[in-house]
Amino acid sequence: MMKQYLLFEVAENKYAIETTCVAKIVSMKSIIGIPNTPQDVKGLMYLGGRIIVVIDTRVRWHYDPKKEDLKTSIIITNFNEEWIGWIVDT
């Protein structure tokens, strides 16, 4: 069986993730900040009955910050029942 990948962009660089790990792609939502967490942890969001930790990929991968726009999305992944949202540029 051929593997499929989702292509996304962060800081004008292209990355891919296997689609079997992707649960959903959503536009930017309200994110609740969490005090005393690493800088790349943007906060928590509630989606589909789940609380999801949201990571800012630009901060995680040491790129300059960027203001969110209409293309900014959150890729919701599920690795071994750990739900994580990854903020990406497109």
N, C-alpha and C. Protein backbone atom coordinates (compact mmCIF):
# COMPACT_ATOMS: atom_id res chain seq x y z
N MET A 1 0.84 -1.18 0.00
CA MET A 1 0.00 0.00 0.00
C MET A 1 0.88 1.25 0.00
N MET A 2 0.52 2.21 -0.81
CA MET A 2 1.29 3.44 -0.92
C MET A 2 0.95 4.39 0.24
N LYS A 3 1.98 4.96 0.85
CA LYS A 3 1.75 5.92 1.93
C LYS A 3 1.37 7.26 1.33
N GLN A 4 0.51 7.99 2.06
CA GLN A 4 0.11 9.33 1.64
C GLN A 4 0.59 10.32 2.68
N TYR A 5 0.91 11.52 2.21
CA TYR A 5 1.45 12.55 3.08
C TYR A 5 0.69 13.86 2.92
N LEU A 6 0.60 14.59 4.01
CA LEU A 6 0.06 15.94 4.00
C LEU A 6 1.24 16.89 3.95
N LEU A 7 1.25 17.77 2.96
CA LEU A 7 2.31 18.75 2.81
C LEU A 7 1.87 20.04 3.49
N PHE A 8 2.75 20.65 4.29
CA PHE A 8 2.44 21.92 4.93
C PHE A 8 3.68 22.80 4.91
N GLU A 9 3.48 24.07 5.23
CA GLU A 9 4.57 25.03 5.15
C GLU A 9 4.74 25.78 6.46
N VAL A 10 6.00 25.96 6.83
CA VAL A 10 6.37 26.77 8.00
C VAL A 10 7.59 27.58 7.60
N ALA A 11 7.47 28.90 7.70
CA ALA A 11 8.58 29.80 7.37
C ALA A 11 9.12 29.55 5.96
N GLU A 12 8.22 29.40 5.01
CA GLU A 12 8.55 29.19 3.60
C GLU A 12 9.30 27.89 3.34
N ASN A 13 9.30 26.97 4.29
CA ASN A 13 9.88 25.65 4.11
C ASN A 13 8.74 24.64 4.08
N LYS A 14 8.88 23.64 3.23
CA LYS A 14 7.85 22.61 3.10
C LYS A 14 8.20 21.39 3.94
N TYR A 15 7.18 20.85 4.59
CA TYR A 15 7.32 19.65 5.42
C TYR A 15 6.17 18.71 5.07
N ALA A 16 6.30 17.47 5.48
CA ALA A 16 5.24 16.49 5.23
C ALA A 16 5.05 15.61 6.45
N ILE A 17 3.82 15.16 6.62
CA ILE A 17 3.49 14.24 7.70
C ILE A 17 2.59 13.16 7.11
N GLU A 18 2.78 11.94 7.55
CA GLU A 18 1.96 10.84 7.06
C GLU A 18 0.50 11.08 7.43
N THR A 19 -0.40 10.90 6.49
CA THR A 19 -1.81 11.21 6.72
C THR A 19 -2.46 10.31 7.76
N THR A 20 -1.89 9.16 8.03
CA THR A 20 -2.47 8.28 9.05
C THR A 20 -2.38 8.90 10.44
N CYS A 21 -1.48 9.86 10.62
CA CYS A 21 -1.32 10.55 11.91
C CYS A 21 -2.19 11.79 12.03
N VAL A 22 -2.75 12.24 10.91
CA VAL A 22 -3.52 13.48 10.89
C VAL A 22 -5.00 13.17 11.14
N ALA A 23 -5.54 13.77 12.20
CA ALA A 23 -6.95 13.57 12.51
C ALA A 23 -7.83 14.62 11.84
N LYS A 24 -7.30 15.86 11.77
CA LYS A 24 -8.11 16.96 11.26
C LYS A 24 -7.20 18.16 11.01
N ILE A 25 -7.66 19.04 10.13
CA ILE A 25 -7.00 20.32 9.90
C ILE A 25 -8.06 21.39 10.14
N VAL A 26 -7.74 22.36 11.00
CA VAL A 26 -8.72 23.40 11.32
C VAL A 26 -8.09 24.78 11.17
N SER A 27 -8.93 25.78 10.94
CA SER A 27 -8.43 27.15 10.93
C SER A 27 -8.14 27.54 12.38
N MET A 28 -7.45 28.65 12.55
CA MET A 28 -7.10 29.09 13.90
C MET A 28 -8.34 29.21 14.77
N LYS A 29 -8.21 28.72 15.97
CA LYS A 29 -9.28 28.74 16.96
C LYS A 29 -8.79 29.47 18.20
N SER A 30 -9.68 29.68 19.11
CA SER A 30 -9.32 30.28 20.39
C SER A 30 -8.45 29.29 21.17
N ILE A 31 -7.30 29.78 21.62
CA ILE A 31 -6.36 28.95 22.36
C ILE A 31 -6.19 29.56 23.75
N ILE A 32 -6.29 28.71 24.77
CA ILE A 32 -6.16 29.16 26.15
C ILE A 32 -4.70 28.99 26.57
N GLY A 33 -4.06 30.08 26.93
CA GLY A 33 -2.66 30.03 27.37
C GLY A 33 -2.50 29.28 28.68
N ILE A 34 -1.34 28.69 28.86
CA ILE A 34 -1.03 27.95 30.09
C ILE A 34 0.21 28.58 30.71
N PRO A 35 0.12 29.04 31.96
CA PRO A 35 1.30 29.63 32.59
C PRO A 35 2.40 28.60 32.84
N ASN A 36 3.63 29.07 32.85
CA ASN A 36 4.80 28.24 33.19
C ASN A 36 5.00 27.03 32.29
N THR A 37 4.76 27.20 30.99
CA THR A 37 5.02 26.12 30.03
C THR A 37 6.13 26.58 29.09
N PRO A 38 6.74 25.65 28.38
CA PRO A 38 7.77 26.05 27.41
C PRO A 38 7.19 27.04 26.38
N GLN A 39 8.06 27.86 25.81
CA GLN A 39 7.63 28.91 24.88
C GLN A 39 6.88 28.37 23.68
N ASP A 40 7.22 27.18 23.22
CA ASP A 40 6.57 26.65 22.02
C ASP A 40 5.17 26.11 22.29
N VAL A 41 4.79 25.94 23.54
CA VAL A 41 3.44 25.50 23.88
C VAL A 41 2.53 26.73 23.89
N LYS A 42 1.73 26.85 22.84
CA LYS A 42 0.85 28.02 22.68
C LYS A 42 -0.29 27.97 23.69
N GLY A 43 -0.76 26.76 24.02
CA GLY A 43 -1.84 26.62 24.99
C GLY A 43 -2.69 25.41 24.70
N LEU A 44 -3.96 25.50 25.11
CA LEU A 44 -4.91 24.40 24.94
C LEU A 44 -6.09 24.86 24.11
N MET A 45 -6.66 23.93 23.36
CA MET A 45 -7.90 24.20 22.67
C MET A 45 -8.84 23.02 22.88
N TYR A 46 -10.11 23.29 22.78
CA TYR A 46 -11.13 22.26 22.95
C TYR A 46 -11.72 21.98 21.57
N LEU A 47 -11.68 20.72 21.14
CA LEU A 47 -12.18 20.37 19.82
C LEU A 47 -12.76 18.97 19.85
N GLY A 48 -14.00 18.87 19.46
CA GLY A 48 -14.64 17.56 19.36
C GLY A 48 -14.63 16.76 20.65
N GLY A 49 -14.81 17.44 21.77
CA GLY A 49 -14.84 16.74 23.05
C GLY A 49 -13.48 16.43 23.63
N ARG A 50 -12.42 16.93 22.99
CA ARG A 50 -11.06 16.66 23.47
C ARG A 50 -10.36 17.97 23.81
N ILE A 51 -9.49 17.90 24.78
CA ILE A 51 -8.59 19.01 25.08
C ILE A 51 -7.28 18.70 24.37
N ILE A 52 -6.83 19.64 23.54
CA ILE A 52 -5.67 19.41 22.70
C ILE A 52 -4.59 20.44 23.03
N VAL A 53 -3.37 19.96 23.25
CA VAL A 53 -2.22 20.84 23.44
C VAL A 53 -1.84 21.40 22.07
N VAL A 54 -1.63 22.71 22.00
CA VAL A 54 -1.29 23.36 20.73
C VAL A 54 0.16 23.85 20.78
N ILE A 55 0.93 23.45 19.78
CA ILE A 55 2.35 23.79 19.68
C ILE A 55 2.55 24.79 18.53
N ASP A 56 3.32 25.83 18.76
CA ASP A 56 3.69 26.78 17.71
C ASP A 56 4.94 26.23 17.02
N THR A 57 4.78 25.74 15.79
CA THR A 57 5.91 25.12 15.09
C THR A 57 7.02 26.11 14.80
N ARG A 58 6.68 27.38 14.58
CA ARG A 58 7.73 28.37 14.32
C ARG A 58 8.65 28.50 15.54
N VAL A 59 8.09 28.53 16.71
CA VAL A 59 8.91 28.62 17.93
C VAL A 59 9.66 27.31 18.15
N ARG A 60 8.97 26.20 18.00
CA ARG A 60 9.58 24.88 18.22
C ARG A 60 10.80 24.67 17.33
N TRP A 61 10.68 25.13 16.05
CA TRP A 61 11.75 24.90 15.08
C TRP A 61 12.66 26.12 14.90
N HIS A 62 12.59 27.07 15.82
CA HIS A 62 13.51 28.22 15.87
C HIS A 62 13.41 29.16 14.66
N TYR A 63 12.20 29.39 14.19
CA TYR A 63 11.97 30.39 13.14
C TYR A 63 11.46 31.68 13.79
N ASP A 64 11.56 32.77 13.05
CA ASP A 64 11.02 34.04 13.52
C ASP A 64 9.51 33.94 13.66
N PRO A 65 8.95 34.59 14.67
CA PRO A 65 7.49 34.56 14.84
C PRO A 65 6.80 35.25 13.68
N LYS A 66 5.57 34.89 13.44
CA LYS A 66 4.77 35.49 12.37
C LYS A 66 3.36 35.70 12.89
N LYS A 67 2.79 36.82 12.52
CA LYS A 67 1.42 37.08 12.90
C LYS A 67 0.50 36.12 12.15
N GLU A 68 -0.46 35.58 12.85
CA GLU A 68 -1.40 34.63 12.23
C GLU A 68 -2.24 35.36 11.19
N ASP A 69 -2.54 34.67 10.09
CA ASP A 69 -3.39 35.24 9.05
C ASP A 69 -4.42 34.21 8.59
N LEU A 70 -5.10 34.47 7.50
CA LEU A 70 -6.16 33.57 7.02
C LEU A 70 -5.63 32.21 6.58
N LYS A 71 -4.35 32.12 6.25
CA LYS A 71 -3.77 30.85 5.82
C LYS A 71 -3.29 30.00 7.00
N THR A 72 -3.14 30.60 8.16
CA THR A 72 -2.65 29.88 9.33
C THR A 72 -3.65 28.79 9.72
N SER A 73 -3.13 27.59 9.93
CA SER A 73 -3.98 26.44 10.27
C SER A 73 -3.39 25.68 11.43
N ILE A 74 -4.19 24.79 11.97
CA ILE A 74 -3.72 23.88 13.02
C ILE A 74 -3.94 22.46 12.52
N ILE A 75 -2.86 21.70 12.45
CA ILE A 75 -2.94 20.29 12.08
C ILE A 75 -3.09 19.50 13.37
N ILE A 76 -4.21 18.80 13.50
CA ILE A 76 -4.46 17.99 14.70
C ILE A 76 -3.94 16.58 14.43
N THR A 77 -3.00 16.14 15.26
CA THR A 77 -2.43 14.81 15.09
C THR A 77 -2.77 13.93 16.29
N ASN A 78 -2.72 12.64 16.04
CA ASN A 78 -2.96 11.65 17.09
C ASN A 78 -1.85 10.61 17.01
N PHE A 79 -0.91 10.68 17.94
CA PHE A 79 0.16 9.69 18.05
C PHE A 79 -0.07 8.91 19.33
N ASN A 80 -0.44 7.65 19.20
CA ASN A 80 -0.66 6.80 20.37
C ASN A 80 -1.60 7.44 21.39
N GLU A 81 -2.72 7.96 20.90
CA GLU A 81 -3.75 8.60 21.73
C GLU A 81 -3.29 9.89 22.40
N GLU A 82 -2.19 10.48 21.93
CA GLU A 82 -1.77 11.81 22.40
C GLU A 82 -2.16 12.79 21.31
N TRP A 83 -3.11 13.65 21.61
CA TRP A 83 -3.64 14.62 20.65
C TRP A 83 -2.86 15.91 20.75
N ILE A 84 -2.31 16.34 19.62
CA ILE A 84 -1.50 17.56 19.58
C ILE A 84 -1.92 18.37 18.36
N GLY A 85 -2.02 19.69 18.56
CA GLY A 85 -2.27 20.60 17.45
C GLY A 85 -1.00 21.34 17.10
N TRP A 86 -0.67 21.40 15.83
CA TRP A 86 0.55 22.04 15.35
C TRP A 86 0.16 23.26 14.51
N ILE A 87 0.53 24.46 14.95
CA ILE A 87 0.23 25.66 14.18
C ILE A 87 1.21 25.74 13.02
N VAL A 88 0.67 25.83 11.78
CA VAL A 88 1.49 25.92 10.57
C VAL A 88 1.05 27.12 9.75
N ASP A 89 1.95 27.58 8.88
CA ASP A 89 1.64 28.76 8.07
C ASP A 89 0.59 28.47 7.00
N THR A 90 0.75 27.37 6.28
CA THR A 90 -0.23 26.96 5.27
C THR A 90 -0.27 25.46 5.17
